[in-house]
Amino acid sequence: MALWLAIIHKERPRNLFHLVIGMLAMMLSGVALDSWFYNGLTLTAWNYVRMGIDGHAGGVFLNYPWWYYFAWVVKYAVPVFGIPILLAFGTLLVLRPKSIIVWVTLPFLLLHILLPHKELRFLWPLAELAPWILVLAAEACIARWPGRMEALLQRSIMVPIGIFLMAINVVALSVVALTPAGSGRTRLAAQIRDRWPGEAVHLNYLADERTVWEIRLPSFYLPPGSTHTLASTPCFPFPADARPVELLVAQEPIPLCDFKMDGTWLEVSSALPLWSELLMRMYAWEDARPAWKLYEAVPLEAAGAD
């Protein structure tokens, strides 16, 4: 942005000086605060860049080809929005190369494209610029091809498209507003609180240390005295007195046990409403996974009666 102000906008040097001083003061304040917190000189921005290149000592980072961000934009913005966003940005590169939107986004994109480790969340600073990119690209096309754009932007064409896009947005907003955040563990916690108010429970997570973080319920969500363990199988003996309440949290369908148990697991709730789970599976494409479910251990007699 500073280069655009200096080269394209021809901003006064005094104003540029003030801008640069403010940016440096912000960056140095961040270094000072981080160094204070970590008890030593800490350059957080540089550490992130180095980690993106070299990886993390505690685990292996996944590396992706340079073009992966473009595929992610199409996938996760959904194609009806992602494809126009990419086309709009390409239009600005060709028709409006001096636009400030190009000067502030292109270096950002190039840096992240060059880094082998890529995550969709790294593009979040650009998310709110997408409507601006679309509008500026449309404006550039209208100025370049006024006749063709007038024919394309007829009411009979744009109204159905607008209704279709609004319907997609309403569905997406409904999922965001009515679906628990993340894996839906808050919904499972609410079910435990309502079904066994104030009663201690024992949660068995059919997961390992690598995946349990997605669904593990924090202790402050649970009744006092509640405990949890990681389970590699749902096939284990239940306590005779059924106290505390024995619960199971699993993501995949529970496998059949190869021995006769004195009880069974009955589904209590899903972490996501069924309609939301179906929509999220459509949204995640090949990365979709089943929703986590909560099961209660009940004696065989009670299960037969139900």
C-alpha atoms as a PDB file:
ATOM      1  CA  MET A   1       0.000   0.000   0.000  1.00  0.00           C
ATOM      2  CA  ALA A   2       2.852   2.352   0.801  1.00  0.00           C
ATOM      3  CA  LEU A   3       4.445   1.709  -2.591  1.00  0.00           C
ATOM      4  CA  TRP A   4       1.109   2.353  -4.321  1.00  0.00           C
ATOM      5  CA  LEU A   5       0.730   5.643  -2.469  1.00  0.00           C
ATOM      6  CA  ALA A   6       4.255   6.696  -3.447  1.00  0.00           C
ATOM      7  CA  ILE A   7       4.371   5.514  -7.078  1.00  0.00           C
ATOM      8  CA  ILE A   8       0.777   5.604  -8.349  1.00  0.00           C
ATOM      9  CA  HIS A   9      -1.037   8.032  -6.070  1.00  0.00           C
ATOM     10  CA  LYS A  10       1.946  10.408  -5.794  1.00  0.00           C
ATOM     11  CA  GLU A  11       1.296  10.991  -2.099  1.00  0.00           C
ATOM     12  CA  ARG A  12       3.208  13.787  -0.378  1.00  0.00           C
ATOM     13  CA  PRO A  13       6.511  12.530   1.124  1.00  0.00           C
ATOM     14  CA  ARG A  14       5.560  13.964   4.516  1.00  0.00           C
ATOM     15  CA  ASN A  15       2.393  11.891   4.669  1.00  0.00           C
ATOM     16  CA  LEU A  16       4.291   8.775   3.576  1.00  0.00           C
ATOM     17  CA  PHE A  17       6.842   9.422   6.304  1.00  0.00           C
ATOM     18  CA  HIS A  18       4.068   9.579   8.906  1.00  0.00           C
ATOM     19  CA  LEU A  19       2.593   6.333   7.577  1.00  0.00           C
ATOM     20  CA  VAL A  20       5.916   4.497   7.678  1.00  0.00           C
ATOM     21  CA  ILE A  21       6.673   5.779  11.180  1.00  0.00           C
ATOM     22  CA  GLY A  22       3.270   4.547  12.389  1.00  0.00           C
ATOM     23  CA  MET A  23       3.829   1.114  10.841  1.00  0.00           C
ATOM     24  CA  LEU A  24       7.300   0.819  12.342  1.00  0.00           C
ATOM     25  CA  ALA A  25       5.997   1.877  15.753  1.00  0.00           C
ATOM     26  CA  MET A  26       3.304  -0.815  15.566  1.00  0.00           C
ATOM     27  CA  MET A  27       5.806  -3.504  14.546  1.00  0.00           C
ATOM     28  CA  LEU A  28       8.356  -2.523  17.203  1.00  0.00           C
ATOM     29  CA  SER A  29       5.620  -2.503  19.854  1.00  0.00           C
ATOM     30  CA  GLY A  30       4.730  -6.045  18.840  1.00  0.00           C
ATOM     31  CA  VAL A  31       8.362  -7.146  19.089  1.00  0.00           C
ATOM     32  CA  ALA A  32       8.657  -5.528  22.517  1.00  0.00           C
ATOM     33  CA  LEU A  33       5.496  -7.188  23.844  1.00  0.00           C
ATOM     34  CA  ASP A  34       6.438 -10.620  22.441  1.00  0.00           C
ATOM     35  CA  SER A  35       9.971 -10.341  23.816  1.00  0.00           C
ATOM     36  CA  TRP A  36       8.595  -9.347  27.216  1.00  0.00           C
ATOM     37  CA  PHE A  37       6.212 -12.312  27.214  1.00  0.00           C
ATOM     38  CA  TYR A  38       8.842 -14.871  26.112  1.00  0.00           C
ATOM     39  CA  ASN A  39      11.677 -13.392  28.214  1.00  0.00           C
ATOM     40  CA  GLY A  40      13.944 -12.920  25.202  1.00  0.00           C
ATOM     41  CA  LEU A  41      14.163 -11.238  21.795  1.00  0.00           C
ATOM     42  CA  THR A  42      11.269 -12.686  19.751  1.00  0.00           C
ATOM     43  CA  LEU A  43      10.546 -11.787  16.120  1.00  0.00           C
ATOM     44  CA  THR A  44       7.153 -13.445  15.702  1.00  0.00           C
ATOM     45  CA  ALA A  45       6.657 -12.514  12.043  1.00  0.00           C
ATOM     46  CA  TRP A  46      10.062 -13.939  11.100  1.00  0.00           C
ATOM     47  CA  ASN A  47       9.409 -17.081  13.132  1.00  0.00           C
ATOM     48  CA  TYR A  48       6.201 -17.678  11.186  1.00  0.00           C
ATOM     49  CA  VAL A  49       8.001 -17.244   7.864  1.00  0.00           C
ATOM     50  CA  ARG A  50      10.801 -19.591   8.932  1.00  0.00           C
ATOM     51  CA  MET A  51       8.296 -22.167  10.193  1.00  0.00           C
ATOM     52  CA  GLY A  52       6.393 -21.983   6.900  1.00  0.00           C
ATOM     53  CA  ILE A  53       9.618 -22.820   5.062  1.00  0.00           C
ATOM     54  CA  ASP A  54      11.360 -25.274   7.387  1.00  0.00           C
ATOM     55  CA  GLY A  55       8.371 -26.867   9.121  1.00  0.00           C
ATOM     56  CA  HIS A  56       7.725 -27.433  12.815  1.00  0.00           C
ATOM     57  CA  ALA A  57       9.948 -29.487  15.103  1.00  0.00           C
ATOM     58  CA  GLY A  58       6.900 -30.950  16.860  1.00  0.00           C
ATOM     59  CA  GLY A  59       5.286 -32.331  13.726  1.00  0.00           C
ATOM     60  CA  VAL A  60       5.397 -32.592   9.949  1.00  0.00           C
ATOM     61  CA  PHE A  61       3.721 -29.859   7.952  1.00  0.00           C
ATOM     62  CA  LEU A  62       1.857 -30.786   4.794  1.00  0.00           C
ATOM     63  CA  ASN A  63       3.253 -29.160   1.655  1.00  0.00           C
ATOM     64  CA  TYR A  64       1.103 -28.354  -1.364  1.00  0.00           C
ATOM     65  CA  PRO A  65       1.800 -27.250  -4.964  1.00  0.00           C
ATOM     66  CA  TRP A  66       1.926 -23.526  -5.772  1.00  0.00           C
ATOM     67  CA  TRP A  67      -1.539 -23.546  -7.395  1.00  0.00           C
ATOM     68  CA  TYR A  68      -3.378 -25.039  -4.391  1.00  0.00           C
ATOM     69  CA  TYR A  69      -4.769 -21.737  -3.071  1.00  0.00           C
ATOM     70  CA  PHE A  70      -6.654 -21.204  -6.329  1.00  0.00           C
ATOM     71  CA  ALA A  71      -8.297 -24.615  -5.998  1.00  0.00           C
ATOM     72  CA  TRP A  72      -9.184 -23.881  -2.364  1.00  0.00           C
ATOM     73  CA  VAL A  73     -10.831 -20.581  -3.302  1.00  0.00           C
ATOM     74  CA  VAL A  74     -13.073 -22.392  -5.777  1.00  0.00           C
ATOM     75  CA  LYS A  75     -13.831 -25.204  -3.334  1.00  0.00           C
ATOM     76  CA  TYR A  76     -14.416 -23.352  -0.079  1.00  0.00           C
ATOM     77  CA  ALA A  77     -15.967 -20.180  -1.442  1.00  0.00           C
ATOM     78  CA  VAL A  78     -18.158 -22.681  -3.394  1.00  0.00           C
ATOM     79  CA  PRO A  79     -17.719 -22.640  -7.192  1.00  0.00           C
ATOM     80  CA  VAL A  80     -20.491 -20.128  -7.899  1.00  0.00           C
ATOM     81  CA  PHE A  81     -18.544 -17.548  -5.877  1.00  0.00           C
ATOM     82  CA  GLY A  82     -14.981 -18.860  -6.066  1.00  0.00           C
ATOM     83  CA  ILE A  83     -14.727 -18.958  -9.859  1.00  0.00           C
ATOM     84  CA  PRO A  84     -16.013 -15.360 -10.301  1.00  0.00           C
ATOM     85  CA  ILE A  85     -13.592 -14.158  -7.595  1.00  0.00           C
ATOM     86  CA  LEU A  86     -10.612 -15.673  -9.435  1.00  0.00           C
ATOM     87  CA  LEU A  87     -11.832 -14.342 -12.788  1.00  0.00           C
ATOM     88  CA  ALA A  88     -12.381 -10.915 -11.264  1.00  0.00           C
ATOM     89  CA  PHE A  89      -8.869 -10.800  -9.817  1.00  0.00           C
ATOM     90  CA  GLY A  90      -7.409 -11.874 -13.164  1.00  0.00           C
ATOM     91  CA  THR A  91      -9.466  -9.134 -14.839  1.00  0.00           C
ATOM     92  CA  LEU A  92      -7.993  -6.512 -12.515  1.00  0.00           C
ATOM     93  CA  LEU A  93      -4.473  -7.744 -13.222  1.00  0.00           C
ATOM     94  CA  VAL A  94      -5.055  -7.179 -16.940  1.00  0.00           C
ATOM     95  CA  LEU A  95      -7.373  -4.154 -17.069  1.00  0.00           C
ATOM     96  CA  ARG A  96      -6.511  -2.341 -13.817  1.00  0.00           C
ATOM     97  CA  PRO A  97      -2.890  -3.216 -12.936  1.00  0.00           C
ATOM     98  CA  LYS A  98      -2.478   0.124 -11.146  1.00  0.00           C
ATOM     99  CA  SER A  99      -5.438  -0.503  -8.808  1.00  0.00           C
ATOM    100  CA  ILE A 100      -4.588  -0.407  -5.114  1.00  0.00           C
ATOM    101  CA  ILE A 101      -6.399  -3.741  -4.713  1.00  0.00           C
ATOM    102  CA  VAL A 102      -3.801  -5.341  -7.017  1.00  0.00           C
ATOM    103  CA  TRP A 103      -0.868  -3.742  -5.226  1.00  0.00           C
ATOM    104  CA  VAL A 104      -1.978  -4.897  -1.762  1.00  0.00           C
ATOM    105  CA  THR A 105      -3.113  -8.431  -2.678  1.00  0.00           C
ATOM    106  CA  LEU A 106      -0.611  -9.593  -5.305  1.00  0.00           C
ATOM    107  CA  PRO A 107       2.505  -9.498  -3.049  1.00  0.00           C
ATOM    108  CA  PHE A 108       0.498 -11.173  -0.271  1.00  0.00           C
ATOM    109  CA  LEU A 109      -0.610 -13.963  -2.618  1.00  0.00           C
ATOM    110  CA  LEU A 110       2.827 -14.453  -4.178  1.00  0.00           C
ATOM    111  CA  LEU A 111       4.491 -14.869  -0.784  1.00  0.00           C
ATOM    112  CA  HIS A 112       1.956 -17.449   0.375  1.00  0.00           C
ATOM    113  CA  ILE A 113       2.049 -19.272  -2.961  1.00  0.00           C
ATOM    114  CA  LEU A 114       5.840 -19.613  -2.665  1.00  0.00           C
ATOM    115  CA  LEU A 115       5.641 -21.043   0.864  1.00  0.00           C
ATOM    116  CA  PRO A 116       5.337 -24.845   0.602  1.00  0.00           C
ATOM    117  CA  HIS A 117       3.126 -25.124   3.692  1.00  0.00           C
ATOM    118  CA  LYS A 118      -0.335 -23.801   2.913  1.00  0.00           C
ATOM    119  CA  GLU A 119      -3.504 -23.394   4.983  1.00  0.00           C
ATOM    120  CA  LEU A 120      -6.787 -21.865   3.946  1.00  0.00           C
ATOM    121  CA  ARG A 121      -6.844 -19.626   7.026  1.00  0.00           C
ATOM    122  CA  PHE A 122      -3.756 -17.799   5.724  1.00  0.00           C
ATOM    123  CA  LEU A 123      -5.992 -16.190   3.071  1.00  0.00           C
ATOM    124  CA  TRP A 124      -8.403 -14.799   5.669  1.00  0.00           C
ATOM    125  CA  PRO A 125      -7.035 -11.216   5.437  1.00  0.00           C
ATOM    126  CA  LEU A 126      -8.234 -11.176   1.817  1.00  0.00           C
ATOM    127  CA  ALA A 127     -11.746 -12.475   2.485  1.00  0.00           C
ATOM    128  CA  GLU A 128     -13.347  -9.074   3.076  1.00  0.00           C
ATOM    129  CA  LEU A 129     -11.735  -7.720  -0.107  1.00  0.00           C
ATOM    130  CA  ALA A 130     -13.609 -10.222  -2.320  1.00  0.00           C
ATOM    131  CA  PRO A 131     -16.735  -8.023  -2.813  1.00  0.00           C
ATOM    132  CA  TRP A 132     -14.488  -5.062  -3.666  1.00  0.00           C
ATOM    133  CA  ILE A 133     -12.591  -7.183  -6.206  1.00  0.00           C
ATOM    134  CA  LEU A 134     -15.853  -8.266  -7.867  1.00  0.00           C
ATOM    135  CA  VAL A 135     -17.209  -4.715  -8.066  1.00  0.00           C
ATOM    136  CA  LEU A 136     -13.982  -3.218  -9.436  1.00  0.00           C
ATOM    137  CA  ALA A 137     -13.687  -5.990 -12.030  1.00  0.00           C
ATOM    138  CA  ALA A 138     -17.276  -5.462 -13.160  1.00  0.00           C
ATOM    139  CA  GLU A 139     -16.627  -1.723 -13.409  1.00  0.00           C
ATOM    140  CA  ALA A 140     -13.504  -2.359 -15.500  1.00  0.00           C
ATOM    141  CA  CYS A 141     -15.385  -4.700 -17.854  1.00  0.00           C
ATOM    142  CA  ILE A 142     -18.228  -2.197 -18.318  1.00  0.00           C
ATOM    143  CA  ALA A 143     -15.715   0.528 -19.190  1.00  0.00           C
ATOM    144  CA  ARG A 144     -13.842  -1.752 -21.615  1.00  0.00           C
ATOM    145  CA  TRP A 145     -16.811  -3.485 -23.297  1.00  0.00           C
ATOM    146  CA  PRO A 146     -19.905  -1.343 -22.629  1.00  0.00           C
ATOM    147  CA  GLY A 147     -22.087  -2.934 -25.324  1.00  0.00           C
ATOM    148  CA  ARG A 148     -21.380  -6.529 -24.376  1.00  0.00           C
ATOM    149  CA  MET A 149     -21.759  -5.837 -20.669  1.00  0.00           C
ATOM    150  CA  GLU A 150     -25.090  -4.067 -21.209  1.00  0.00           C
ATOM    151  CA  ALA A 151     -26.413  -7.145 -23.015  1.00  0.00           C
ATOM    152  CA  LEU A 152     -25.071  -9.433 -20.272  1.00  0.00           C
ATOM    153  CA  LEU A 153     -26.462  -7.384 -17.394  1.00  0.00           C
ATOM    154  CA  GLN A 154     -30.067  -7.416 -18.556  1.00  0.00           C
ATOM    155  CA  ARG A 155     -32.699  -7.694 -15.840  1.00  0.00           C
ATOM    156  CA  SER A 156     -34.041 -10.964 -17.244  1.00  0.00           C
ATOM    157  CA  ILE A 157     -30.599 -12.511 -16.755  1.00  0.00           C
ATOM    158  CA  MET A 158     -29.424 -10.892 -13.526  1.00  0.00           C
ATOM    159  CA  VAL A 159     -32.605 -11.316 -11.433  1.00  0.00           C
ATOM    160  CA  PRO A 160     -32.616 -15.163 -11.557  1.00  0.00           C
ATOM    161  CA  ILE A 161     -28.865 -15.205 -10.906  1.00  0.00           C
ATOM    162  CA  GLY A 162     -29.312 -12.838  -7.968  1.00  0.00           C
ATOM    163  CA  ILE A 163     -32.084 -14.957  -6.460  1.00  0.00           C
ATOM    164  CA  PHE A 164     -29.969 -18.099  -6.851  1.00  0.00           C
ATOM    165  CA  LEU A 165     -26.946 -16.511  -5.151  1.00  0.00           C
ATOM    166  CA  MET A 166     -29.108 -15.096  -2.345  1.00  0.00           C
ATOM    167  CA  ALA A 167     -30.572 -18.551  -1.732  1.00  0.00           C
ATOM    168  CA  ILE A 168     -27.061 -20.005  -1.370  1.00  0.00           C
ATOM    169  CA  ASN A 169     -26.162 -17.241   1.077  1.00  0.00           C
ATOM    170  CA  VAL A 170     -29.305 -17.820   3.149  1.00  0.00           C
ATOM    171  CA  VAL A 171     -28.529 -21.534   3.412  1.00  0.00           C
ATOM    172  CA  ALA A 172     -24.914 -20.818   4.368  1.00  0.00           C
ATOM    173  CA  LEU A 173     -25.951 -18.222   6.962  1.00  0.00           C
ATOM    174  CA  SER A 174     -28.472 -20.674   8.414  1.00  0.00           C
ATOM    175  CA  VAL A 175     -25.718 -23.247   8.908  1.00  0.00           C
ATOM    176  CA  VAL A 176     -23.487 -20.661  10.580  1.00  0.00           C
ATOM    177  CA  ALA A 177     -26.272 -19.313  12.810  1.00  0.00           C
ATOM    178  CA  LEU A 178     -27.924 -22.593  13.816  1.00  0.00           C
ATOM    179  CA  THR A 179     -25.029 -25.070  13.881  1.00  0.00           C
ATOM    180  CA  PRO A 180     -22.654 -25.349  16.858  1.00  0.00           C
ATOM    181  CA  ALA A 181     -19.161 -24.078  16.131  1.00  0.00           C
ATOM    182  CA  GLY A 182     -16.357 -26.461  15.241  1.00  0.00           C
ATOM    183  CA  SER A 183     -17.120 -30.137  15.742  1.00  0.00           C
ATOM    184  CA  GLY A 184     -20.353 -29.443  17.667  1.00  0.00           C
ATOM    185  CA  ARG A 185     -19.075 -30.451  21.072  1.00  0.00           C
ATOM    186  CA  THR A 186     -21.120 -27.713  22.752  1.00  0.00           C
ATOM    187  CA  ARG A 187     -24.260 -29.470  21.519  1.00  0.00           C
ATOM    188  CA  LEU A 188     -23.140 -32.743  23.100  1.00  0.00           C
ATOM    189  CA  ALA A 189     -22.324 -30.917  26.331  1.00  0.00           C
ATOM    190  CA  ALA A 190     -25.824 -29.415  26.384  1.00  0.00           C
ATOM    191  CA  GLN A 191     -27.341 -32.873  25.901  1.00  0.00           C
ATOM    192  CA  ILE A 192     -25.331 -34.238  28.841  1.00  0.00           C
ATOM    193  CA  ARG A 193     -26.338 -31.308  31.039  1.00  0.00           C
ATOM    194  CA  ASP A 194     -30.041 -31.659  30.178  1.00  0.00           C
ATOM    195  CA  ARG A 195     -30.209 -35.457  30.345  1.00  0.00           C
ATOM    196  CA  TRP A 196     -28.103 -35.955  33.494  1.00  0.00           C
ATOM    197  CA  PRO A 197     -28.277 -32.616  35.344  1.00  0.00           C
ATOM    198  CA  GLY A 198     -25.546 -32.360  37.972  1.00  0.00           C
ATOM    199  CA  GLU A 199     -24.684 -36.067  37.658  1.00  0.00           C
ATOM    200  CA  ALA A 200     -21.092 -37.119  37.095  1.00  0.00           C
ATOM    201  CA  VAL A 201     -20.446 -38.941  33.815  1.00  0.00           C
ATOM    202  CA  HIS A 202     -17.549 -40.922  32.392  1.00  0.00           C
ATOM    203  CA  LEU A 203     -16.812 -40.159  28.741  1.00  0.00           C
ATOM    204  CA  ASN A 204     -15.058 -42.695  26.516  1.00  0.00           C
ATOM    205  CA  TYR A 205     -13.665 -41.032  23.393  1.00  0.00           C
ATOM    206  CA  LEU A 206     -13.271 -43.434  20.485  1.00  0.00           C
ATOM    207  CA  ALA A 207     -10.235 -41.475  19.282  1.00  0.00           C
ATOM    208  CA  ASP A 208      -6.509 -41.055  19.844  1.00  0.00           C
ATOM    209  CA  GLU A 209      -4.420 -38.130  21.039  1.00  0.00           C
ATOM    210  CA  ARG A 210      -4.093 -36.890  17.474  1.00  0.00           C
ATOM    211  CA  THR A 211      -7.844 -36.525  16.843  1.00  0.00           C
ATOM    212  CA  VAL A 212      -9.530 -36.234  20.261  1.00  0.00           C
ATOM    213  CA  TRP A 213      -8.862 -32.473  20.478  1.00  0.00           C
ATOM    214  CA  GLU A 214     -11.637 -31.974  17.911  1.00  0.00           C
ATOM    215  CA  ILE A 215     -14.376 -33.221  20.225  1.00  0.00           C
ATOM    216  CA  ARG A 216     -13.038 -33.412  23.797  1.00  0.00           C
ATOM    217  CA  LEU A 217     -15.442 -31.551  26.088  1.00  0.00           C
ATOM    218  CA  PRO A 218     -13.741 -29.083  28.452  1.00  0.00           C
ATOM    219  CA  SER A 219     -14.273 -29.850  32.119  1.00  0.00           C
ATOM    220  CA  PHE A 220     -16.268 -26.660  32.687  1.00  0.00           C
ATOM    221  CA  TYR A 221     -18.939 -27.989  30.297  1.00  0.00           C
ATOM    222  CA  LEU A 222     -19.410 -31.144  32.375  1.00  0.00           C
ATOM    223  CA  PRO A 223     -20.939 -31.871  35.809  1.00  0.00           C
ATOM    224  CA  PRO A 224     -18.463 -31.906  38.722  1.00  0.00           C
ATOM    225  CA  GLY A 225     -16.631 -35.197  39.153  1.00  0.00           C
ATOM    226  CA  SER A 226     -16.883 -36.193  35.484  1.00  0.00           C
ATOM    227  CA  THR A 227     -13.962 -38.104  33.969  1.00  0.00           C
ATOM    228  CA  HIS A 228     -12.844 -39.243  30.545  1.00  0.00           C
ATOM    229  CA  THR A 229     -10.568 -41.777  28.853  1.00  0.00           C
ATOM    230  CA  LEU A 230      -9.471 -42.553  25.309  1.00  0.00           C
ATOM    231  CA  ALA A 231     -10.879 -45.821  23.964  1.00  0.00           C
ATOM    232  CA  SER A 232      -9.526 -47.832  21.057  1.00  0.00           C
ATOM    233  CA  THR A 233     -12.713 -49.930  20.935  1.00  0.00           C
ATOM    234  CA  PRO A 234     -16.279 -49.641  22.234  1.00  0.00           C
ATOM    235  CA  CYS A 235     -16.199 -53.281  23.312  1.00  0.00           C
ATOM    236  CA  PHE A 236     -15.380 -53.355  27.007  1.00  0.00           C
ATOM    237  CA  PRO A 237     -17.302 -54.382  30.160  1.00  0.00           C
ATOM    238  CA  PHE A 238     -19.672 -51.832  31.647  1.00  0.00           C
ATOM    239  CA  PRO A 239     -19.652 -51.135  35.404  1.00  0.00           C
ATOM    240  CA  ALA A 240     -22.253 -53.192  37.235  1.00  0.00           C
ATOM    241  CA  ASP A 241     -23.920 -50.264  39.030  1.00  0.00           C
ATOM    242  CA  ALA A 242     -23.867 -48.030  35.905  1.00  0.00           C
ATOM    243  CA  ARG A 243     -22.486 -45.190  38.014  1.00  0.00           C
ATOM    244  CA  PRO A 244     -21.093 -42.891  36.940  1.00  0.00           C
ATOM    245  CA  VAL A 245     -23.059 -42.771  33.721  1.00  0.00           C
ATOM    246  CA  GLU A 246     -20.969 -44.437  31.023  1.00  0.00           C
ATOM    247  CA  LEU A 247     -20.942 -42.520  27.744  1.00  0.00           C
ATOM    248  CA  LEU A 248     -19.200 -42.991  24.421  1.00  0.00           C
ATOM    249  CA  VAL A 249     -18.277 -40.325  21.861  1.00  0.00           C
ATOM    250  CA  ALA A 250     -17.526 -41.766  18.424  1.00  0.00           C
ATOM    251  CA  GLN A 251     -17.313 -40.477  14.884  1.00  0.00           C
ATOM    252  CA  GLU A 252     -17.578 -43.647  12.863  1.00  0.00           C
ATOM    253  CA  PRO A 253     -20.398 -46.207  13.109  1.00  0.00           C
ATOM    254  CA  ILE A 254     -19.739 -48.351  16.162  1.00  0.00           C
ATOM    255  CA  PRO A 255     -18.282 -51.735  15.095  1.00  0.00           C
ATOM    256  CA  LEU A 256     -19.864 -54.979  16.220  1.00  0.00           C
ATOM    257  CA  CYS A 257     -18.155 -56.618  19.194  1.00  0.00           C
ATOM    258  CA  ASP A 258     -16.760 -60.121  18.782  1.00  0.00           C
ATOM    259  CA  PHE A 259     -17.972 -61.148  22.246  1.00  0.00           C
ATOM    260  CA  LYS A 260     -21.301 -60.867  24.039  1.00  0.00           C
ATOM    261  CA  MET A 261     -21.490 -57.800  26.236  1.00  0.00           C
ATOM    262  CA  ASP A 262     -23.792 -57.281  29.189  1.00  0.00           C
ATOM    263  CA  GLY A 263     -24.956 -53.983  27.735  1.00  0.00           C
ATOM    264  CA  THR A 264     -25.096 -51.973  24.541  1.00  0.00           C
ATOM    265  CA  TRP A 265     -24.608 -48.434  23.296  1.00  0.00           C
ATOM    266  CA  LEU A 266     -27.715 -46.408  22.467  1.00  0.00           C
ATOM    267  CA  GLU A 267     -27.360 -43.193  20.504  1.00  0.00           C
ATOM    268  CA  VAL A 268     -28.293 -40.111  22.538  1.00  0.00           C
ATOM    269  CA  SER A 269     -27.470 -37.257  20.200  1.00  0.00           C
ATOM    270  CA  SER A 270     -25.395 -36.098  17.264  1.00  0.00           C
ATOM    271  CA  ALA A 271     -22.997 -33.183  17.486  1.00  0.00           C
ATOM    272  CA  LEU A 272     -24.658 -31.641  14.416  1.00  0.00           C
ATOM    273  CA  PRO A 273     -28.308 -31.517  13.358  1.00  0.00           C
ATOM    274  CA  LEU A 274     -28.924 -33.934  10.482  1.00  0.00           C
ATOM    275  CA  TRP A 275     -29.722 -31.193   7.944  1.00  0.00           C
ATOM    276  CA  SER A 276     -26.562 -29.334   8.871  1.00  0.00           C
ATOM    277  CA  GLU A 277     -24.451 -32.480   8.700  1.00  0.00           C
ATOM    278  CA  LEU A 278     -25.692 -33.184   5.169  1.00  0.00           C
ATOM    279  CA  LEU A 279     -24.948 -29.628   4.038  1.00  0.00           C
ATOM    280  CA  MET A 280     -21.495 -29.677   5.635  1.00  0.00           C
ATOM    281  CA  ARG A 281     -20.700 -32.929   3.852  1.00  0.00           C
ATOM    282  CA  MET A 282     -21.622 -31.288   0.545  1.00  0.00           C
ATOM    283  CA  TYR A 283     -19.468 -28.291   1.418  1.00  0.00           C
ATOM    284  CA  ALA A 284     -16.400 -30.278   2.489  1.00  0.00           C
ATOM    285  CA  TRP A 285     -16.442 -32.497  -0.627  1.00  0.00           C
ATOM    286  CA  GLU A 286     -13.866 -35.294  -0.306  1.00  0.00           C
ATOM    287  CA  ASP A 287     -12.781 -34.059   3.134  1.00  0.00           C
ATOM    288  CA  ALA A 288     -16.232 -34.665   4.653  1.00  0.00           C
ATOM    289  CA  ARG A 289     -16.361 -36.844   7.759  1.00  0.00           C
ATOM    290  CA  PRO A 290     -19.234 -38.222   9.831  1.00  0.00           C
ATOM    291  CA  ALA A 291     -20.467 -36.088  12.710  1.00  0.00           C
ATOM    292  CA  TRP A 292     -19.454 -37.073  16.231  1.00  0.00           C
ATOM    293  CA  LYS A 293     -22.208 -38.885  18.144  1.00  0.00           C
ATOM    294  CA  LEU A 294     -22.932 -39.426  21.818  1.00  0.00           C
ATOM    295  CA  TYR A 295     -23.934 -42.903  23.074  1.00  0.00           C
ATOM    296  CA  GLU A 296     -25.140 -44.118  26.473  1.00  0.00           C
ATOM    297  CA  ALA A 297     -24.349 -47.530  27.947  1.00  0.00           C
ATOM    298  CA  VAL A 298     -27.572 -49.361  28.844  1.00  0.00           C
ATOM    299  CA  PRO A 299     -28.243 -52.963  29.984  1.00  0.00           C
ATOM    300  CA  LEU A 300     -29.439 -55.373  27.317  1.00  0.00           C
ATOM    301  CA  GLU A 301     -32.830 -55.674  29.022  1.00  0.00           C
ATOM    302  CA  ALA A 302     -33.406 -51.932  28.887  1.00  0.00           C
ATOM    303  CA  ALA A 303     -32.254 -51.804  25.263  1.00  0.00           C
ATOM    304  CA  GLY A 304     -34.709 -54.578  24.357  1.00  0.00           C
ATOM    305  CA  ALA A 305     -37.531 -52.762  26.095  1.00  0.00           C
ATOM    306  CA  ASP A 306     -36.783 -49.585  24.130  1.00  0.00           C
END
